[in-house]
Amino acid sequence: MTEPAPSPVADRPTEENPLRAVVLAGGLTFEREVSLSSGTQVVEELARVGVDAELRDADAELLPGLAAAPADAVFVALHGATGEDGALRAVLDLAGVPYVGSPAAACRLAWDKPAAKSVVRTAGVTTPDWVALPHSTFRELGAGAVLDLIVARLGLPLMVKPASGGSALGAQKVTRVEDLPAAMVSCFAYGDTVLVERFVDGVEVALSVVDLGEGPEALPAVEIEPESGVFDYTARYTPGLTEYHAPARLADDVAARAAEVAVRVHEVLGLADLSRTDAIVTPDGEVHFLEVNVSPGLTETSMFPMAVEAAGHDLGEVLARLLTRRARTA
Protein backbone atom coordinates (compact mmCIF):
# COMPACT_ATOMS: atom_id res chain seq x y z
CA MET A 1 0.00 0.00 0.00
CA THR A 2 1.47 3.32 -1.02
CA GLU A 3 1.28 6.40 1.12
CA PRO A 4 1.72 10.08 0.25
CA ALA A 5 5.04 11.59 1.17
CA PRO A 6 5.16 14.19 3.93
CA SER A 7 4.44 17.70 2.66
CA PRO A 8 7.61 19.68 1.91
CA VAL A 9 8.29 22.91 3.76
CA ALA A 10 7.88 24.83 0.48
CA ASP A 11 4.22 23.87 0.35
CA ARG A 12 3.44 25.26 3.79
CA PRO A 13 2.11 28.82 4.19
CA THR A 14 4.65 31.31 5.52
CA GLU A 15 4.57 34.80 7.00
CA GLU A 16 5.87 36.14 3.69
CA ASN A 17 3.36 34.16 1.63
CA PRO A 18 0.28 33.48 3.78
CA LEU A 19 -2.57 31.42 2.40
CA ARG A 20 -6.09 32.71 2.87
CA ALA A 21 -8.69 29.96 2.74
CA VAL A 22 -12.45 29.77 2.98
CA VAL A 23 -14.02 26.59 4.34
CA LEU A 24 -17.57 25.95 3.16
CA ALA A 25 -19.80 24.09 5.61
CA GLY A 26 -23.45 23.89 6.56
CA GLY A 27 -25.89 24.07 3.67
CA LEU A 28 -29.57 23.21 3.74
CA THR A 29 -29.46 19.42 3.74
CA PHE A 30 -30.15 16.60 6.18
CA GLU A 31 -26.40 16.53 6.82
CA ARG A 32 -26.03 20.18 7.85
CA GLU A 33 -24.89 19.49 11.42
CA VAL A 34 -22.32 16.92 10.31
CA SER A 35 -21.02 19.39 7.73
CA LEU A 36 -20.69 22.16 10.29
CA SER A 37 -18.73 19.79 12.52
CA SER A 38 -16.43 18.89 9.61
CA GLY A 39 -15.95 22.54 8.66
CA THR A 40 -15.13 23.59 12.22
CA GLN A 41 -12.57 20.80 12.47
CA VAL A 42 -10.96 21.83 9.16
CA VAL A 43 -10.67 25.46 10.29
CA GLU A 44 -9.06 24.39 13.57
CA GLU A 45 -6.60 22.06 11.84
CA LEU A 46 -5.62 24.76 9.33
CA ALA A 47 -5.18 27.38 12.05
CA ARG A 48 -2.86 24.99 13.89
CA VAL A 49 -0.51 24.91 10.87
CA GLY A 50 -0.68 28.64 10.22
CA VAL A 51 -3.41 28.94 7.59
CA ASP A 52 -5.93 31.77 7.90
CA ALA A 53 -9.24 30.02 7.25
CA GLU A 54 -12.74 31.46 7.48
CA LEU A 55 -15.81 29.26 7.93
CA ARG A 56 -18.63 30.24 5.55
CA ASP A 57 -22.06 28.80 4.84
CA ALA A 58 -23.36 28.10 1.34
CA ASP A 59 -25.98 30.84 1.31
CA ALA A 60 -26.87 34.05 -0.54
CA GLU A 61 -23.93 35.86 1.06
CA LEU A 62 -21.31 33.43 -0.21
CA LEU A 63 -20.63 34.72 -3.74
CA PRO A 64 -20.73 38.45 -2.83
CA GLY A 65 -18.42 37.69 0.07
CA LEU A 66 -15.94 35.83 -2.12
CA ALA A 67 -16.04 38.65 -4.68
CA ALA A 68 -15.40 41.30 -2.03
CA ALA A 69 -12.65 39.34 -0.27
CA PRO A 70 -11.30 36.66 -2.65
CA ALA A 71 -9.85 33.52 -1.13
CA ASP A 72 -6.73 31.85 -2.47
CA ALA A 73 -8.69 28.60 -2.41
CA VAL A 74 -11.90 27.16 -0.99
CA PHE A 75 -12.19 23.90 0.90
CA VAL A 76 -15.58 22.25 0.42
CA ALA A 77 -16.63 20.59 3.68
CA LEU A 78 -20.28 20.44 2.66
CA HIS A 79 -22.03 17.08 2.86
CA GLY A 80 -25.22 16.06 1.12
CA ALA A 81 -26.51 17.52 -2.13
CA THR A 82 -25.16 21.02 -1.47
CA GLY A 83 -21.56 19.94 -1.53
CA GLU A 84 -21.58 16.65 -3.37
CA ASP A 85 -23.95 16.76 -6.38
CA GLY A 86 -21.68 19.11 -8.33
CA ALA A 87 -24.04 22.10 -8.52
CA LEU A 88 -22.17 24.35 -6.08
CA ARG A 89 -18.83 23.44 -7.63
CA ALA A 90 -20.17 24.38 -11.05
CA VAL A 91 -21.05 27.81 -9.66
CA LEU A 92 -17.58 28.16 -8.14
CA ASP A 93 -16.16 27.33 -11.56
CA LEU A 94 -18.32 30.05 -13.12
CA ALA A 95 -17.06 32.52 -10.53
CA GLY A 96 -13.44 31.49 -11.12
CA VAL A 97 -13.00 30.42 -7.49
CA PRO A 98 -10.41 27.64 -7.02
CA TYR A 99 -11.46 24.86 -4.68
CA VAL A 100 -10.19 21.59 -3.25
CA GLY A 101 -12.06 18.55 -4.47
CA SER A 102 -13.54 16.87 -7.48
CA PRO A 103 -14.92 18.77 -10.49
CA ALA A 104 -18.64 19.24 -10.93
CA ALA A 105 -19.17 16.53 -13.56
CA ALA A 106 -17.35 13.89 -11.50
CA CYS A 107 -19.37 14.87 -8.42
CA ARG A 108 -22.63 14.42 -10.31
CA LEU A 109 -21.57 10.93 -11.33
CA ALA A 110 -20.41 9.91 -7.85
CA TRP A 111 -23.56 11.37 -6.27
CA ASP A 112 -25.74 9.04 -8.35
CA LYS A 113 -24.91 5.75 -6.63
CA PRO A 114 -26.44 3.44 -9.29
CA ALA A 115 -24.58 5.31 -12.06
CA ALA A 116 -21.31 5.18 -10.12
CA LYS A 117 -21.76 1.45 -9.51
CA SER A 118 -22.31 0.90 -13.24
CA VAL A 119 -19.12 2.78 -14.13
CA VAL A 120 -16.92 1.01 -11.60
CA ARG A 121 -18.35 -2.40 -12.50
CA THR A 122 -17.53 -1.72 -16.18
CA ALA A 123 -14.00 -0.87 -15.02
CA GLY A 124 -13.68 -4.32 -13.46
CA VAL A 125 -14.45 -3.47 -9.84
CA THR A 126 -16.75 -5.88 -7.98
CA THR A 127 -19.95 -4.35 -6.58
CA PRO A 128 -23.08 -6.02 -5.16
CA ASP A 129 -25.98 -6.55 -7.59
CA TRP A 130 -28.65 -3.87 -7.31
CA VAL A 131 -31.88 -2.41 -8.56
CA ALA A 132 -32.61 1.33 -8.64
CA LEU A 133 -36.30 2.04 -8.21
CA PRO A 134 -37.87 5.51 -8.69
CA HIS A 135 -40.85 6.36 -6.52
CA SER A 136 -43.08 6.71 -9.59
CA THR A 137 -42.41 3.12 -10.64
CA PHE A 138 -42.97 1.88 -7.12
CA ARG A 139 -46.32 3.68 -7.02
CA GLU A 140 -47.62 3.10 -10.55
CA LEU A 141 -46.79 -0.60 -10.98
CA GLY A 142 -47.82 -1.62 -7.49
CA ALA A 143 -45.45 -2.01 -4.57
CA GLY A 144 -46.19 -5.66 -3.93
CA ALA A 145 -45.51 -6.90 -7.46
CA VAL A 146 -42.32 -4.86 -7.83
CA LEU A 147 -40.91 -5.90 -4.46
CA ASP A 148 -41.63 -9.57 -5.17
CA LEU A 149 -39.53 -9.31 -8.33
CA ILE A 150 -36.70 -7.61 -6.44
CA VAL A 151 -36.56 -10.33 -3.80
CA ALA A 152 -36.70 -13.03 -6.49
CA ARG A 153 -33.76 -11.40 -8.25
CA LEU A 154 -31.54 -10.32 -5.36
CA GLY A 155 -32.65 -12.58 -2.52
CA LEU A 156 -32.41 -11.71 1.17
CA PRO A 157 -30.97 -9.98 3.12
CA LEU A 158 -30.94 -6.65 1.27
CA MET A 159 -29.54 -3.18 1.85
CA VAL A 160 -32.04 -0.44 1.09
CA LYS A 161 -30.78 3.14 0.83
CA PRO A 162 -31.40 6.38 -1.05
CA ALA A 163 -29.80 6.41 -4.51
CA SER A 164 -28.05 9.63 -3.54
CA GLY A 165 -26.99 11.10 -0.22
CA GLY A 166 -24.53 10.39 2.53
CA SER A 167 -24.09 9.65 6.23
CA ALA A 168 -26.12 6.44 5.67
CA LEU A 169 -29.33 8.45 6.10
CA GLY A 170 -32.27 6.15 5.41
CA ALA A 171 -30.05 3.09 4.93
CA GLN A 172 -31.48 -0.13 6.35
CA LYS A 173 -30.71 -3.82 6.28
CA VAL A 174 -33.80 -5.88 5.43
CA THR A 175 -33.87 -9.54 6.37
CA ARG A 176 -37.62 -10.22 6.08
CA VAL A 177 -39.85 -9.70 3.05
CA GLU A 178 -42.54 -8.09 5.15
CA ASP A 179 -40.12 -5.34 6.27
CA LEU A 180 -39.19 -4.28 2.75
CA PRO A 181 -42.16 -1.97 1.98
CA ALA A 182 -41.58 0.10 5.13
CA ALA A 183 -37.87 0.36 4.38
CA MET A 184 -38.65 1.61 0.88
CA VAL A 185 -41.08 4.23 2.16
CA SER A 186 -38.51 5.38 4.71
CA CYS A 187 -35.90 5.84 1.99
CA PHE A 188 -38.27 7.81 -0.22
CA ALA A 189 -38.27 10.46 2.51
CA TYR A 190 -34.68 11.26 1.45
CA GLY A 191 -35.05 11.15 -2.33
CA ASP A 192 -37.10 10.06 -5.33
CA THR A 193 -35.07 6.93 -6.08
CA VAL A 194 -34.13 4.02 -3.85
CA LEU A 195 -31.18 1.71 -4.35
CA VAL A 196 -31.92 -1.88 -3.33
CA GLU A 197 -28.69 -3.85 -3.10
CA ARG A 198 -27.80 -7.44 -2.30
CA PHE A 199 -26.39 -7.49 1.23
CA VAL A 200 -22.78 -8.68 1.30
CA ASP A 201 -21.50 -10.10 4.57
CA GLY A 202 -17.95 -9.21 5.52
CA VAL A 203 -15.73 -6.51 7.01
CA GLU A 204 -16.74 -2.95 6.17
CA VAL A 205 -13.83 -0.65 5.38
CA ALA A 206 -13.36 3.00 4.52
CA LEU A 207 -10.73 3.47 1.82
CA SER A 208 -9.44 7.03 1.68
CA VAL A 209 -7.51 8.45 -1.27
CA VAL A 210 -5.53 11.69 -1.39
CA ASP A 211 -3.65 13.37 -4.23
CA LEU A 212 -0.98 15.78 -3.03
CA GLY A 213 0.40 16.42 -6.49
CA GLU A 214 1.95 13.10 -7.44
CA GLY A 215 -1.21 11.22 -8.34
CA PRO A 216 -3.89 9.59 -6.19
CA GLU A 217 -2.56 7.37 -3.42
CA ALA A 218 -4.44 5.21 -0.93
CA LEU A 219 -4.18 5.78 2.79
CA PRO A 220 -4.43 2.82 5.17
CA ALA A 221 -7.89 1.26 5.24
CA VAL A 222 -10.05 1.93 8.29
CA GLU A 223 -12.06 -1.06 9.53
CA ILE A 224 -15.57 -0.33 10.78
CA GLU A 225 -17.10 -2.56 13.43
CA PRO A 226 -20.62 -1.35 14.35
CA GLU A 227 -22.19 -2.89 17.42
CA SER A 228 -25.48 -3.43 15.54
CA GLY A 229 -23.79 -5.04 12.53
CA VAL A 230 -24.97 -2.23 10.21
CA PHE A 231 -23.10 1.06 9.84
CA ASP A 232 -26.17 3.30 9.68
CA TYR A 233 -26.58 6.94 10.72
CA THR A 234 -26.99 6.05 14.40
CA ALA A 235 -23.90 3.84 14.38
CA ARG A 236 -21.86 6.59 12.70
CA TYR A 237 -22.67 9.43 15.03
CA THR A 238 -23.51 7.90 18.41
CA PRO A 239 -20.36 7.57 20.55
CA GLY A 240 -19.62 4.01 21.60
CA LEU A 241 -21.79 2.24 19.01
CA THR A 242 -18.96 1.63 16.53
CA GLU A 243 -15.37 0.52 16.98
CA TYR A 244 -12.77 1.55 14.41
CA HIS A 245 -9.46 -0.07 13.58
CA ALA A 246 -6.88 2.02 11.73
CA PRO A 247 -5.24 0.42 9.94
CA ALA A 248 -7.81 -2.29 9.25
CA ARG A 249 -7.07 -5.82 10.40
CA LEU A 250 -6.57 -7.17 6.89
CA ALA A 251 -3.94 -9.48 5.45
CA ASP A 252 -1.28 -7.56 3.54
CA ASP A 253 -2.43 -8.84 0.14
CA VAL A 254 -6.07 -7.97 0.89
CA ALA A 255 -5.10 -4.50 2.14
CA ALA A 256 -3.13 -3.95 -1.08
CA ARG A 257 -6.13 -5.09 -3.14
CA ALA A 258 -8.42 -2.71 -1.24
CA ALA A 259 -6.01 0.17 -1.89
CA GLU A 260 -6.00 -0.66 -5.60
CA VAL A 261 -9.80 -0.62 -5.66
CA ALA A 262 -9.93 2.79 -3.97
CA VAL A 263 -7.48 4.34 -6.43
CA ARG A 264 -9.23 2.67 -9.37
CA VAL A 265 -12.60 4.08 -8.30
CA HIS A 266 -11.07 7.53 -7.79
CA GLU A 267 -9.59 7.47 -11.28
CA VAL A 268 -12.44 5.97 -13.32
CA LEU A 269 -14.96 8.39 -11.82
CA GLY A 270 -12.69 11.35 -12.56
CA LEU A 271 -12.33 12.42 -8.93
CA ALA A 272 -9.69 14.83 -7.65
CA ASP A 273 -7.75 15.68 -4.50
CA LEU A 274 -9.51 13.44 -1.99
CA SER A 275 -12.21 10.81 -1.78
CA ARG A 276 -13.39 7.98 0.44
CA THR A 277 -14.66 4.70 -0.94
CA ASP A 278 -16.85 2.52 1.24
CA ALA A 279 -16.43 -1.19 0.65
CA ILE A 280 -17.02 -4.66 2.07
CA VAL A 281 -14.24 -7.24 2.26
CA THR A 282 -15.67 -10.76 2.19
CA PRO A 283 -14.07 -13.67 4.08
CA ASP A 284 -12.39 -14.83 0.86
CA GLY A 285 -10.66 -11.44 0.52
CA GLU A 286 -12.75 -10.01 -2.32
CA VAL A 287 -13.35 -6.26 -2.15
CA HIS A 288 -16.90 -5.10 -2.99
CA PHE A 289 -17.42 -1.43 -3.84
CA LEU A 290 -20.46 0.14 -2.18
CA GLU A 291 -20.23 3.88 -2.84
CA VAL A 292 -17.78 6.77 -2.95
CA ASN A 293 -17.80 10.10 -1.14
CA VAL A 294 -16.34 13.19 -2.82
CA SER A 295 -16.59 15.21 0.40
CA PRO A 296 -15.64 12.75 3.15
CA GLY A 297 -16.39 13.60 6.75
CA LEU A 298 -13.64 15.45 8.60
CA THR A 299 -14.98 15.45 12.13
CA GLU A 300 -12.95 14.17 15.06
CA THR A 301 -14.55 10.73 14.61
CA SER A 302 -14.53 10.55 10.78
CA MET A 303 -12.66 7.88 8.86
CA PHE A 304 -10.59 10.14 6.58
CA PRO A 305 -8.73 11.77 9.51
CA MET A 306 -8.21 8.30 11.01
CA ALA A 307 -6.61 7.15 7.76
CA VAL A 308 -4.36 10.23 7.62
CA GLU A 309 -3.19 9.56 11.16
CA ALA A 310 -2.67 5.86 10.44
CA ALA A 311 -0.42 6.88 7.55
CA GLY A 312 1.71 8.91 9.96
CA HIS A 313 0.73 12.28 8.52
CA ASP A 314 -0.60 15.46 10.07
CA LEU A 315 -4.18 16.28 9.03
CA GLY A 316 -3.64 20.04 9.15
CA GLU A 317 -0.61 19.81 6.88
CA VAL A 318 -2.42 17.55 4.41
CA LEU A 319 -5.35 19.99 4.23
CA ALA A 320 -2.99 22.96 3.87
CA ARG A 321 -1.09 21.27 1.08
CA LEU A 322 -4.31 20.50 -0.80
CA LEU A 323 -5.35 24.16 -0.54
CA THR A 324 -1.90 25.47 -1.48
CA ARG A 325 -1.79 23.20 -4.53
CA ARG A 326 -5.17 24.46 -5.74
CA ALA A 327 -4.26 28.09 -5.08
CA ARG A 328 -1.03 27.76 -7.07
CA THR A 329 -2.68 26.05 -10.05
CA ALA A 330 -5.66 28.44 -10.26
Foldseek 3Di string as FASTA:
>chain_A
DDDDDADDPVLAADPVRAFEEEEEAADPAPCRVLLVQQSVLLCVLQVVRPHHYHYDYPDPVVLVVCVVPPGLEYEYSYFWPVRQLLPVQVVCVVVVHFYFKFHSQLSNQQQQQVSLQVLLVVVVAAAFDKDKAFQVCCPPVDVVVVLVVVCVVQNDFKWKAASGGDLQQLIDTRGDSVCVVVSNVSRVVRHRMMMIGRDADAWKWKWKWFCLPPAIFIFAIKTKAFQVRDSHNCSQPPPPRIDIDVRDPDDPVLRVVVRVSVRSSCVSSRMHGMKIWIWGQHPVSGTHTRGMTRNFRRHPRGDVVSRCVSRVYRPNSSSSSSSSVRSVVD
